[in-house]
Amino acid sequence: MDIPPEIHKSVPGLAGTLTALLFVRGDGWKRVIGTCIAGAFIARIIGPLAADVMHSSPEVAGYVTGLFGMAIVAKMFDMILGFDAKQAAKDLWDAVLKRVRG
């Protein structure tokens, strides 16, 4: 059975994201599946560029970008969910007043 080239190119990135699952704390299945899919997409998009930069095979670069892509997406979720809009607005207002007052 022949594997289509698009799927064949995506397998290393998916393997990297599945490896990253070993290091992700249990935050619910929706978030885990979302970060896994996002990591695979990051690997598929950035993997070829990373292969050129690293002077490595596309498979190795896809795996590495899938592994770290998922970690980056997981951290972004943490940052978004931990964002305090009221505190950010207060800090911005304080910075504006400090700038205006000199």
C-alpha atoms as a PDB file:
ATOM      1  CA  MET A   1       0.000   0.000   0.000  1.00  0.00           C
ATOM      2  CA  ASP A   2       1.409   3.343  -1.030  1.00  0.00           C
ATOM      3  CA  ILE A   3       1.217   6.241   1.393  1.00  0.00           C
ATOM      4  CA  PRO A   4       0.370   9.608  -0.204  1.00  0.00           C
ATOM      5  CA  PRO A   5       3.357  12.006  -0.075  1.00  0.00           C
ATOM      6  CA  GLU A   6       1.475  14.611   1.982  1.00  0.00           C
ATOM      7  CA  ILE A   7       0.746  12.089   4.715  1.00  0.00           C
ATOM      8  CA  HIS A   8       4.262  10.667   4.538  1.00  0.00           C
ATOM      9  CA  LYS A   9       5.687  14.162   5.104  1.00  0.00           C
ATOM     10  CA  SER A  10       3.432  14.692   8.138  1.00  0.00           C
ATOM     11  CA  VAL A  11       4.268  11.459   9.991  1.00  0.00           C
ATOM     12  CA  PRO A  12       7.540  12.662  11.647  1.00  0.00           C
ATOM     13  CA  GLY A  13       5.859  15.789  12.993  1.00  0.00           C
ATOM     14  CA  LEU A  14       2.975  13.760  14.351  1.00  0.00           C
ATOM     15  CA  ALA A  15       5.461  11.367  15.969  1.00  0.00           C
ATOM     16  CA  GLY A  16       7.185  14.357  17.604  1.00  0.00           C
ATOM     17  CA  THR A  17       3.912  15.636  19.014  1.00  0.00           C
ATOM     18  CA  LEU A  18       3.013  12.198  20.331  1.00  0.00           C
ATOM     19  CA  THR A  19       6.410  12.052  22.036  1.00  0.00           C
ATOM     20  CA  ALA A  20       5.732  15.456  23.582  1.00  0.00           C
ATOM     21  CA  LEU A  21       2.554  14.005  25.107  1.00  0.00           C
ATOM     22  CA  LEU A  22       4.818  12.205  27.560  1.00  0.00           C
ATOM     23  CA  PHE A  23       5.735  15.570  29.078  1.00  0.00           C
ATOM     24  CA  VAL A  24       2.326  17.281  29.028  1.00  0.00           C
ATOM     25  CA  ARG A  25       0.438  17.398  32.283  1.00  0.00           C
ATOM     26  CA  GLY A  26      -3.163  16.280  32.284  1.00  0.00           C
ATOM     27  CA  ASP A  27      -5.179  19.350  31.340  1.00  0.00           C
ATOM     28  CA  GLY A  28      -8.109  17.549  29.766  1.00  0.00           C
ATOM     29  CA  TRP A  29      -8.416  15.669  26.535  1.00  0.00           C
ATOM     30  CA  LYS A  30      -9.654  18.627  24.469  1.00  0.00           C
ATOM     31  CA  ARG A  31      -6.540  20.620  25.243  1.00  0.00           C
ATOM     32  CA  VAL A  32      -4.213  17.659  24.735  1.00  0.00           C
ATOM     33  CA  ILE A  33      -5.747  16.831  21.357  1.00  0.00           C
ATOM     34  CA  GLY A  34      -5.693  20.507  20.353  1.00  0.00           C
ATOM     35  CA  THR A  35      -2.032  20.938  21.206  1.00  0.00           C
ATOM     36  CA  CYS A  36      -1.197  17.682  19.420  1.00  0.00           C
ATOM     37  CA  ILE A  37      -2.935  18.816  16.226  1.00  0.00           C
ATOM     38  CA  ALA A  38      -1.344  22.265  16.445  1.00  0.00           C
ATOM     39  CA  GLY A  39       2.114  20.741  16.958  1.00  0.00           C
ATOM     40  CA  ALA A  40       1.636  18.511  13.904  1.00  0.00           C
ATOM     41  CA  PHE A  41       0.603  21.509  11.798  1.00  0.00           C
ATOM     42  CA  ILE A  42       3.599  23.496  13.007  1.00  0.00           C
ATOM     43  CA  ALA A  43       5.877  20.601  12.077  1.00  0.00           C
ATOM     44  CA  ARG A  44       4.300  20.297   8.629  1.00  0.00           C
ATOM     45  CA  ILE A  45       4.659  24.007   7.924  1.00  0.00           C
ATOM     46  CA  ILE A  46       8.018  24.801   9.566  1.00  0.00           C
ATOM     47  CA  GLY A  47       9.662  21.368   9.184  1.00  0.00           C
ATOM     48  CA  PRO A  48      11.074  21.942   5.661  1.00  0.00           C
ATOM     49  CA  LEU A  49      12.544  25.308   6.680  1.00  0.00           C
ATOM     50  CA  ALA A  50      14.025  23.775   9.824  1.00  0.00           C
ATOM     51  CA  ALA A  51      15.560  21.005   7.687  1.00  0.00           C
ATOM     52  CA  ASP A  52      17.343  23.631   5.580  1.00  0.00           C
ATOM     53  CA  VAL A  53      18.552  25.537   8.639  1.00  0.00           C
ATOM     54  CA  MET A  54      19.673  22.418  10.511  1.00  0.00           C
ATOM     55  CA  HIS A  55      21.157  20.782   7.390  1.00  0.00           C
ATOM     56  CA  SER A  56      19.298  17.599   8.265  1.00  0.00           C
ATOM     57  CA  SER A  57      16.739  15.315   6.711  1.00  0.00           C
ATOM     58  CA  PRO A  58      13.127  16.499   6.560  1.00  0.00           C
ATOM     59  CA  GLU A  59      12.115  13.613   8.814  1.00  0.00           C
ATOM     60  CA  VAL A  60      14.440  14.676  11.640  1.00  0.00           C
ATOM     61  CA  ALA A  61      13.434  18.322  11.325  1.00  0.00           C
ATOM     62  CA  GLY A  62       9.743  17.373  11.258  1.00  0.00           C
ATOM     63  CA  TYR A  63      10.122  15.313  14.416  1.00  0.00           C
ATOM     64  CA  VAL A  64      11.990  18.074  16.258  1.00  0.00           C
ATOM     65  CA  THR A  65       9.582  20.821  15.202  1.00  0.00           C
ATOM     66  CA  GLY A  66       6.619  18.612  16.144  1.00  0.00           C
ATOM     67  CA  LEU A  67       8.127  17.947  19.562  1.00  0.00           C
ATOM     68  CA  PHE A  68       8.929  21.567  20.359  1.00  0.00           C
ATOM     69  CA  GLY A  69       5.958  22.978  18.435  1.00  0.00           C
ATOM     70  CA  MET A  70       3.586  21.202  20.762  1.00  0.00           C
ATOM     71  CA  ALA A  71       5.506  22.467  23.774  1.00  0.00           C
ATOM     72  CA  ILE A  72       5.251  26.036  22.470  1.00  0.00           C
ATOM     73  CA  VAL A  73       1.512  25.709  21.846  1.00  0.00           C
ATOM     74  CA  ALA A  74       0.985  24.247  25.331  1.00  0.00           C
ATOM     75  CA  LYS A  75       2.825  27.212  26.875  1.00  0.00           C
ATOM     76  CA  MET A  76       0.760  29.632  24.785  1.00  0.00           C
ATOM     77  CA  PHE A  77      -2.422  28.027  26.165  1.00  0.00           C
ATOM     78  CA  ASP A  78      -1.063  28.525  29.699  1.00  0.00           C
ATOM     79  CA  MET A  79      -0.315  32.180  28.980  1.00  0.00           C
ATOM     80  CA  ILE A  80      -3.715  32.860  27.415  1.00  0.00           C
ATOM     81  CA  LEU A  81      -5.636  31.148  30.194  1.00  0.00           C
ATOM     82  CA  GLY A  82      -3.563  32.924  32.849  1.00  0.00           C
ATOM     83  CA  PHE A  83      -3.953  36.400  31.325  1.00  0.00           C
ATOM     84  CA  ASP A  84      -5.482  38.908  33.735  1.00  0.00           C
ATOM     85  CA  ALA A  85      -7.068  41.655  31.641  1.00  0.00           C
ATOM     86  CA  LYS A  86      -7.840  43.902  34.607  1.00  0.00           C
ATOM     87  CA  GLN A  87      -4.247  43.817  35.840  1.00  0.00           C
ATOM     88  CA  ALA A  88      -2.905  44.404  32.307  1.00  0.00           C
ATOM     89  CA  ALA A  89      -5.190  47.436  31.856  1.00  0.00           C
ATOM     90  CA  LYS A  90      -4.127  48.797  35.244  1.00  0.00           C
ATOM     91  CA  ASP A  91      -0.440  48.339  34.404  1.00  0.00           C
ATOM     92  CA  LEU A  92      -0.938  50.030  31.027  1.00  0.00           C
ATOM     93  CA  TRP A  93      -2.791  52.950  32.615  1.00  0.00           C
ATOM     94  CA  ASP A  94      -0.075  53.346  35.264  1.00  0.00           C
ATOM     95  CA  ALA A  95       2.597  53.373  32.538  1.00  0.00           C
ATOM     96  CA  VAL A  96       0.701  56.044  30.586  1.00  0.00           C
ATOM     97  CA  LEU A  97       0.324  58.226  33.697  1.00  0.00           C
ATOM     98  CA  LYS A  98       3.973  57.820  34.549  1.00  0.00           C
ATOM     99  CA  ARG A  99       4.957  58.828  31.018  1.00  0.00           C
ATOM    100  CA  VAL A 100       2.632  61.860  30.993  1.00  0.00           C
ATOM    101  CA  ARG A 101       3.785  63.070  34.400  1.00  0.00           C
ATOM    102  CA  GLY A 102       7.393  62.731  33.447  1.00  0.00           C
END
